[in-house]
Amino acid sequence: GNSVAYGQNWDNALKSVTLWPAEIFGVSDRVGSLQPGREANVVVWSGDPFEFTTRAEHVWVRGVERLNEKTRQDLLTDRYLNLPPRAIR
């Protein structure tokens, strides 16, 4: 988001987090862009992916939707949210 806020072209900002890292690491034949035969790692956002208020609505990893899986943050929230109150000493 900061790169766009400071004037980077939106298309280049997207490539800077998708295609270009894949090219740098030598894996652009499998990931980094949407093309037939690729791994199908895709995120559908609620809005502009470079805005802090935007949320991931759907996530596919190798073609399998994964968003509904609990994250570590979800697990920690579940663990600590309903703890009994501590006794006052």
N, C-alpha and C. Protein backbone atom coordinates (compact mmCIF):
# COMPACT_ATOMS: atom_id res chain seq x y z
N GLY A 1 0.79 -1.19 0.00
CA GLY A 1 0.00 0.00 0.00
C GLY A 1 0.84 1.26 0.00
N ASN A 2 1.97 1.23 0.71
CA ASN A 2 2.80 2.42 0.78
C ASN A 2 3.38 2.78 -0.58
N SER A 3 3.75 1.80 -1.36
CA SER A 3 4.34 2.10 -2.67
C SER A 3 3.35 2.84 -3.55
N VAL A 4 2.08 2.46 -3.53
CA VAL A 4 1.05 3.15 -4.31
C VAL A 4 0.82 4.54 -3.72
N ALA A 5 0.78 4.64 -2.41
CA ALA A 5 0.58 5.94 -1.76
C ALA A 5 1.68 6.92 -2.12
N TYR A 6 2.88 6.41 -2.36
CA TYR A 6 4.01 7.27 -2.71
C TYR A 6 4.24 7.35 -4.21
N GLY A 7 3.24 6.94 -4.99
CA GLY A 7 3.28 7.22 -6.42
C GLY A 7 3.59 6.06 -7.35
N GLN A 8 3.80 4.86 -6.83
CA GLN A 8 4.07 3.75 -7.75
C GLN A 8 2.79 3.39 -8.50
N ASN A 9 2.94 3.10 -9.76
CA ASN A 9 1.85 2.64 -10.61
C ASN A 9 1.21 1.40 -9.97
N TRP A 10 -0.15 1.33 -9.96
CA TRP A 10 -0.86 0.23 -9.30
C TRP A 10 -0.47 -1.12 -9.90
N ASP A 11 -0.38 -1.21 -11.23
CA ASP A 11 -0.02 -2.49 -11.87
C ASP A 11 1.37 -2.94 -11.44
N ASN A 12 2.32 -2.02 -11.35
CA ASN A 12 3.66 -2.38 -10.91
C ASN A 12 3.68 -2.76 -9.44
N ALA A 13 2.84 -2.11 -8.64
CA ALA A 13 2.75 -2.48 -7.22
C ALA A 13 2.26 -3.92 -7.09
N LEU A 14 1.27 -4.30 -7.89
CA LEU A 14 0.78 -5.68 -7.85
C LEU A 14 1.86 -6.66 -8.30
N LYS A 15 2.56 -6.33 -9.36
CA LYS A 15 3.65 -7.20 -9.82
C LYS A 15 4.76 -7.31 -8.78
N SER A 16 4.95 -6.26 -7.99
CA SER A 16 6.02 -6.29 -6.99
C SER A 16 5.74 -7.26 -5.84
N VAL A 17 4.49 -7.72 -5.72
CA VAL A 17 4.16 -8.71 -4.69
C VAL A 17 3.69 -10.03 -5.29
N THR A 18 3.76 -10.15 -6.61
CA THR A 18 3.32 -11.39 -7.27
C THR A 18 4.38 -11.88 -8.26
N LEU A 19 4.37 -11.34 -9.44
CA LEU A 19 5.22 -11.83 -10.53
C LEU A 19 6.70 -11.60 -10.29
N TRP A 20 7.08 -10.40 -9.91
CA TRP A 20 8.51 -10.10 -9.79
C TRP A 20 9.22 -10.93 -8.74
N PRO A 21 8.66 -11.15 -7.54
CA PRO A 21 9.33 -12.06 -6.60
C PRO A 21 9.44 -13.49 -7.16
N ALA A 22 8.40 -13.94 -7.87
CA ALA A 22 8.45 -15.27 -8.47
C ALA A 22 9.58 -15.36 -9.48
N GLU A 23 9.78 -14.30 -10.26
CA GLU A 23 10.88 -14.28 -11.22
C GLU A 23 12.23 -14.27 -10.51
N ILE A 24 12.35 -13.48 -9.46
CA ILE A 24 13.61 -13.39 -8.70
C ILE A 24 13.98 -14.75 -8.11
N PHE A 25 12.99 -15.48 -7.60
CA PHE A 25 13.26 -16.78 -6.98
C PHE A 25 13.24 -17.93 -7.98
N GLY A 26 13.04 -17.63 -9.25
CA GLY A 26 13.09 -18.67 -10.28
C GLY A 26 11.92 -19.62 -10.30
N VAL A 27 10.76 -19.18 -9.83
CA VAL A 27 9.59 -20.05 -9.79
C VAL A 27 8.42 -19.49 -10.60
N SER A 28 8.70 -18.52 -11.47
CA SER A 28 7.63 -17.87 -12.22
C SER A 28 6.97 -18.79 -13.25
N ASP A 29 7.54 -19.97 -13.46
CA ASP A 29 6.88 -20.95 -14.32
C ASP A 29 5.72 -21.64 -13.59
N ARG A 30 5.65 -21.47 -12.24
CA ARG A 30 4.59 -22.11 -11.45
C ARG A 30 3.68 -21.12 -10.73
N VAL A 31 4.24 -20.00 -10.28
CA VAL A 31 3.48 -19.02 -9.49
C VAL A 31 3.81 -17.61 -9.95
N GLY A 32 3.01 -16.66 -9.47
CA GLY A 32 3.28 -15.26 -9.75
C GLY A 32 2.34 -14.61 -10.73
N SER A 33 1.64 -15.42 -11.51
CA SER A 33 0.65 -14.89 -12.45
C SER A 33 -0.40 -15.96 -12.71
N LEU A 34 -1.55 -15.50 -13.20
CA LEU A 34 -2.65 -16.43 -13.48
C LEU A 34 -2.56 -16.89 -14.93
N GLN A 35 -2.19 -18.13 -15.11
CA GLN A 35 -2.09 -18.72 -16.44
C GLN A 35 -2.41 -20.21 -16.34
N PRO A 36 -2.91 -20.80 -17.43
CA PRO A 36 -3.18 -22.24 -17.41
C PRO A 36 -1.93 -23.03 -17.03
N GLY A 37 -2.11 -24.04 -16.18
CA GLY A 37 -1.01 -24.90 -15.78
C GLY A 37 -0.26 -24.41 -14.56
N ARG A 38 -0.60 -23.25 -14.04
CA ARG A 38 0.07 -22.72 -12.85
C ARG A 38 -0.61 -23.28 -11.59
N GLU A 39 -0.05 -23.00 -10.42
CA GLU A 39 -0.53 -23.59 -9.16
C GLU A 39 -1.87 -23.07 -8.68
N ALA A 40 -2.37 -22.01 -9.21
CA ALA A 40 -3.68 -21.46 -8.83
C ALA A 40 -3.73 -21.01 -7.38
N ASN A 41 -2.72 -20.24 -6.97
CA ASN A 41 -2.74 -19.58 -5.67
C ASN A 41 -3.35 -18.20 -5.90
N VAL A 42 -4.57 -18.00 -5.40
CA VAL A 42 -5.33 -16.80 -5.73
C VAL A 42 -6.00 -16.25 -4.47
N VAL A 43 -6.03 -14.92 -4.36
CA VAL A 43 -6.75 -14.25 -3.29
C VAL A 43 -7.75 -13.29 -3.93
N VAL A 44 -9.01 -13.36 -3.50
CA VAL A 44 -10.03 -12.40 -3.93
C VAL A 44 -10.26 -11.46 -2.75
N TRP A 45 -10.06 -10.17 -2.99
CA TRP A 45 -10.14 -9.16 -1.94
C TRP A 45 -11.48 -8.45 -1.97
N SER A 46 -11.87 -7.86 -0.84
CA SER A 46 -13.12 -7.11 -0.75
C SER A 46 -13.02 -5.76 -1.45
N GLY A 47 -11.83 -5.33 -1.75
CA GLY A 47 -11.59 -4.05 -2.42
C GLY A 47 -10.16 -4.01 -2.92
N ASP A 48 -9.58 -2.84 -2.92
CA ASP A 48 -8.19 -2.65 -3.36
C ASP A 48 -7.26 -3.39 -2.40
N PRO A 49 -6.46 -4.35 -2.88
CA PRO A 49 -5.61 -5.12 -1.98
C PRO A 49 -4.53 -4.28 -1.30
N PHE A 50 -4.31 -3.06 -1.77
CA PHE A 50 -3.30 -2.21 -1.16
C PHE A 50 -3.87 -1.25 -0.11
N GLU A 51 -5.14 -1.40 0.20
CA GLU A 51 -5.77 -0.59 1.25
C GLU A 51 -5.83 -1.41 2.54
N PHE A 52 -5.53 -0.77 3.66
CA PHE A 52 -5.50 -1.48 4.94
C PHE A 52 -6.85 -2.02 5.36
N THR A 53 -7.94 -1.41 4.91
CA THR A 53 -9.27 -1.85 5.33
C THR A 53 -9.80 -3.01 4.49
N THR A 54 -9.08 -3.38 3.45
CA THR A 54 -9.52 -4.47 2.57
C THR A 54 -9.25 -5.81 3.23
N ARG A 55 -10.20 -6.74 3.07
CA ARG A 55 -10.07 -8.08 3.65
C ARG A 55 -10.05 -9.13 2.56
N ALA A 56 -9.36 -10.21 2.82
CA ALA A 56 -9.39 -11.36 1.91
C ALA A 56 -10.74 -12.05 2.07
N GLU A 57 -11.46 -12.21 0.97
CA GLU A 57 -12.76 -12.88 1.01
C GLU A 57 -12.66 -14.35 0.60
N HIS A 58 -11.76 -14.66 -0.29
CA HIS A 58 -11.54 -16.04 -0.73
C HIS A 58 -10.04 -16.23 -0.95
N VAL A 59 -9.53 -17.39 -0.54
CA VAL A 59 -8.12 -17.73 -0.74
C VAL A 59 -8.06 -19.15 -1.28
N TRP A 60 -7.36 -19.32 -2.40
CA TRP A 60 -7.13 -20.65 -2.95
C TRP A 60 -5.63 -20.91 -2.96
N VAL A 61 -5.24 -22.07 -2.45
CA VAL A 61 -3.85 -22.51 -2.49
C VAL A 61 -3.82 -23.79 -3.30
N ARG A 62 -3.09 -23.74 -4.40
CA ARG A 62 -3.04 -24.86 -5.35
C ARG A 62 -4.43 -25.32 -5.74
N GLY A 63 -5.32 -24.35 -5.94
CA GLY A 63 -6.67 -24.64 -6.42
C GLY A 63 -7.67 -25.05 -5.37
N VAL A 64 -7.27 -25.10 -4.10
CA VAL A 64 -8.17 -25.51 -3.02
C VAL A 64 -8.47 -24.30 -2.14
N GLU A 65 -9.77 -24.00 -1.93
CA GLU A 65 -10.13 -22.84 -1.11
C GLU A 65 -9.72 -23.08 0.34
N ARG A 66 -9.06 -22.09 0.94
CA ARG A 66 -8.50 -22.24 2.28
C ARG A 66 -8.93 -21.19 3.28
N LEU A 67 -9.68 -20.19 2.90
CA LEU A 67 -9.94 -19.07 3.79
C LEU A 67 -10.65 -19.46 5.08
N ASN A 68 -11.50 -20.45 5.04
CA ASN A 68 -12.28 -20.79 6.23
C ASN A 68 -11.49 -21.55 7.29
N GLU A 69 -10.24 -21.87 6.99
CA GLU A 69 -9.41 -22.53 7.99
C GLU A 69 -9.03 -21.52 9.07
N LYS A 70 -8.91 -21.99 10.29
CA LYS A 70 -8.56 -21.10 11.39
C LYS A 70 -7.07 -20.74 11.32
N THR A 71 -6.80 -19.46 11.55
CA THR A 71 -5.43 -18.99 11.61
C THR A 71 -4.92 -19.12 13.05
N ARG A 72 -3.65 -18.91 13.24
CA ARG A 72 -3.09 -18.93 14.59
C ARG A 72 -3.76 -17.86 15.44
N GLN A 73 -4.03 -16.70 14.84
CA GLN A 73 -4.71 -15.63 15.57
C GLN A 73 -6.10 -16.07 16.02
N ASP A 74 -6.83 -16.76 15.13
CA ASP A 74 -8.15 -17.28 15.51
C ASP A 74 -8.04 -18.25 16.68
N LEU A 75 -7.07 -19.15 16.62
CA LEU A 75 -6.90 -20.13 17.68
C LEU A 75 -6.58 -19.47 19.01
N LEU A 76 -5.71 -18.45 18.99
CA LEU A 76 -5.38 -17.74 20.23
C LEU A 76 -6.58 -16.98 20.77
N THR A 77 -7.36 -16.36 19.89
CA THR A 77 -8.56 -15.65 20.32
C THR A 77 -9.52 -16.62 21.00
N ASP A 78 -9.76 -17.77 20.36
CA ASP A 78 -10.65 -18.78 20.95
C ASP A 78 -10.14 -19.23 22.31
N ARG A 79 -8.83 -19.37 22.43
CA ARG A 79 -8.24 -19.88 23.66
C ARG A 79 -8.40 -18.91 24.83
N TYR A 80 -8.22 -17.62 24.56
CA TYR A 80 -8.16 -16.66 25.66
C TYR A 80 -9.43 -15.82 25.85
N LEU A 81 -10.32 -15.81 24.89
CA LEU A 81 -11.50 -14.96 24.97
C LEU A 81 -12.43 -15.33 26.12
N ASN A 82 -12.61 -16.61 26.38
CA ASN A 82 -13.58 -17.05 27.37
C ASN A 82 -12.96 -17.63 28.63
N LEU A 83 -11.79 -17.14 28.98
CA LEU A 83 -11.17 -17.59 30.23
C LEU A 83 -11.99 -17.10 31.42
N PRO A 84 -12.06 -17.88 32.49
CA PRO A 84 -12.79 -17.41 33.68
C PRO A 84 -12.05 -16.21 34.27
N PRO A 85 -12.81 -15.32 34.93
CA PRO A 85 -12.16 -14.14 35.54
C PRO A 85 -11.16 -14.58 36.61
N ARG A 86 -10.09 -13.83 36.71
CA ARG A 86 -9.08 -14.14 37.73
C ARG A 86 -9.58 -13.72 39.10
N ALA A 87 -9.24 -14.51 40.09
CA ALA A 87 -9.62 -14.17 41.47
C ALA A 87 -8.82 -12.95 41.92
N ILE A 88 -9.49 -12.04 42.61
CA ILE A 88 -8.81 -10.85 43.13
C ILE A 88 -8.18 -11.22 44.45
N ARG A 89 -6.93 -10.91 44.60
CA ARG A 89 -6.22 -11.24 45.84
C ARG A 89 -5.97 -10.01 46.65
